[in-house]
Structures are given as C-alpha cells and as structure tokens.
Protein backbone atom coordinates (compact mmCIF):
# COMPACT_ATOMS: atom_id res chain seq x y z
CA MET A 1 7.51 11.01 24.89
CA PRO A 2 3.64 11.61 24.16
CA ALA A 3 1.74 9.02 24.71
CA ILE A 4 1.29 5.86 22.36
CA PRO A 5 -2.18 4.71 21.68
CA GLU A 6 -2.78 0.98 22.63
CA ARG A 7 -3.24 0.49 18.73
CA ILE A 8 -0.03 1.35 17.87
CA SER A 9 1.71 -0.10 21.29
CA ARG A 10 0.15 -3.10 19.18
CA PHE A 11 2.67 -3.85 16.02
CA ILE A 12 5.68 -2.49 18.48
CA ASP A 13 4.93 -5.63 20.30
CA ASN A 14 4.47 -7.39 17.76
CA LEU A 15 7.75 -6.33 15.58
CA GLU A 16 10.06 -6.31 18.80
CA GLU A 17 9.73 -8.78 21.63
CA SER A 18 13.30 -8.14 23.37
CA GLY A 19 12.98 -4.61 25.95
CA THR A 20 10.41 -3.97 28.41
CA ASP A 21 8.99 -0.53 27.71
CA SER A 22 7.45 1.16 24.60
CA GLU A 23 10.03 3.58 24.25
CA SER A 24 13.33 0.91 24.00
CA LYS A 25 10.90 -1.70 21.48
CA LEU A 26 10.92 1.74 19.12
CA LYS A 27 14.63 3.34 19.67
CA LYS A 28 14.96 -0.51 18.67
CA ILE A 29 12.89 -0.18 15.46
CA ILE A 30 13.87 2.42 15.13
CA GLU A 31 17.68 0.91 14.77
CA ASN A 32 16.92 -1.82 12.54
CA GLU A 33 15.24 0.64 9.90
CA TYR A 34 18.57 2.53 10.16
CA ARG A 35 20.32 -0.78 9.55
CA ARG A 36 18.36 -1.86 6.25
CA ARG A 37 17.96 1.81 5.13
CA LEU A 38 22.37 1.81 5.42
CA ASN A 39 22.57 -1.42 3.64
CA ARG A 40 20.61 -0.14 0.71
CA TYR A 41 22.35 2.80 0.76
CA TYR A 42 24.97 0.40 0.84
CA LEU A 43 24.76 -1.70 -1.87
CA ILE A 44 23.77 0.51 -4.80
CA ASP A 45 27.22 2.78 -3.81
CA ARG A 46 29.04 -0.92 -4.18
CA LEU A 47 26.78 -1.37 -7.68
CA LEU A 48 28.07 1.32 -8.94
CA LYS A 49 31.12 1.31 -7.57
CA LYS A 50 31.53 -1.98 -9.92
CA LYS A 51 29.75 -0.83 -13.35
CA TYR A 52 31.86 2.21 -13.46
CA LYS A 53 35.55 0.72 -11.18
CA MET A 54 35.82 3.94 -9.34
CA ARG A 55 34.01 5.58 -6.26
CA PHE A 56 31.41 8.21 -6.78
CA GLU A 57 33.29 11.77 -6.29
CA GLU A 58 35.46 10.57 -9.63
CA PHE A 59 32.63 9.70 -10.94
CA ARG A 60 31.17 13.09 -10.32
CA ASP A 61 34.16 14.53 -10.50
CA GLN A 62 35.41 13.24 -13.96
CA GLU A 63 31.39 14.45 -15.37
CA LEU A 64 30.69 10.81 -17.01
CA VAL A 65 27.15 11.55 -17.32
CA LYS A 66 27.89 14.57 -19.81
CA LYS A 67 31.03 12.05 -21.30
CA PHE A 68 28.40 9.73 -21.37
CA ASP A 69 26.15 12.15 -23.53
CA TYR A 70 23.62 12.80 -21.24
CA SER A 71 21.86 9.52 -21.21
CA LEU A 72 19.15 8.50 -19.42
CA GLU A 73 21.11 5.14 -17.88
CA ALA A 74 24.66 7.43 -17.06
CA GLU A 75 21.65 10.59 -15.32
CA SER A 76 19.72 8.30 -13.45
CA ASP A 77 22.85 5.75 -11.68
CA PHE A 78 24.02 9.68 -11.10
CA CYS A 79 21.51 10.71 -8.61
CA ASP A 80 21.05 7.08 -7.31
CA TRP A 81 24.76 7.17 -6.18
CA GLU A 82 24.13 11.01 -5.16
CA MET A 83 20.83 10.25 -2.98
CA ALA A 84 23.31 6.28 -2.17
CA ILE A 85 26.06 8.47 -0.24
CA THR A 86 24.19 10.68 0.84
CA GLY A 87 21.93 8.95 2.54
CA ILE A 88 25.39 6.39 4.18
CA GLU A 89 26.16 10.33 5.21
CA CYS A 90 22.97 11.70 6.98
CA LEU A 91 21.55 7.93 8.48
CA GLN A 92 25.42 7.22 9.92
CA GLU A 93 25.13 10.79 11.80
CA ASP A 94 21.56 10.33 13.20
CA PHE A 95 22.53 6.45 13.94
CA SER A 96 25.31 6.99 16.14
CA GLU A 97 22.90 9.82 17.71
CA LEU A 98 20.13 6.84 18.31
CA SER A 99 22.50 4.52 20.12
CA GLY A 100 24.73 7.44 21.42
CA THR A 101 28.25 6.33 19.68
CA ASN A 102 30.67 8.25 17.37
CA ARG A 103 31.29 6.71 14.13
C-alpha cells in the first residue's frame, strides 16, 4: 500500500479511533461508507416499494413509466429506483469482498 501523507493520516485518525495502523483504520472508514451508502439505497428502495406497492422489477416489467405518460415523477422515480437496486447489488458484492465474507 502506498504511503499515506501525514496530513491525510491525521484525518484518518480523527475519523477512526479503533485499530492500530492506518490501513486497518482506512478499511474501517471504507466499510462505514459502504454501510452508509447501502442504507441510503435501501431507504430509496423501501420508499418506492411503498409508494408503488410493488418491487422495482414489477414496476419496470409493467412499463409503468410509459403508463404514467412519461411523467417527470415516474421517470425520476424509475431512475432513482434503478440506481438504488444497482447500487445495492454492487455495494454488497464489494462490501463482502472488503470484509472477507460472502453474503
């Protein structure tokens, strides 16, 4: 791992107190960021499931954006929902690799 400049090491130490070396502290910071992003994507997914009373795949397969006459709200919801679903899949895979577990 490349050396971390002292200035950056100070910020790492401010954000993460557990661990002894910069690499383990940085890993913990990255894990926390993955959790934060996953939580955001799960929230988007949950809110849109509640709003439309269906899963994303059903919304997409039933072409509801088209049925809603391509309204800005429906298109925006579709894009946000698709981003959340894709984000969850990618982040879960990366997080499993980072933490050394398979989910």
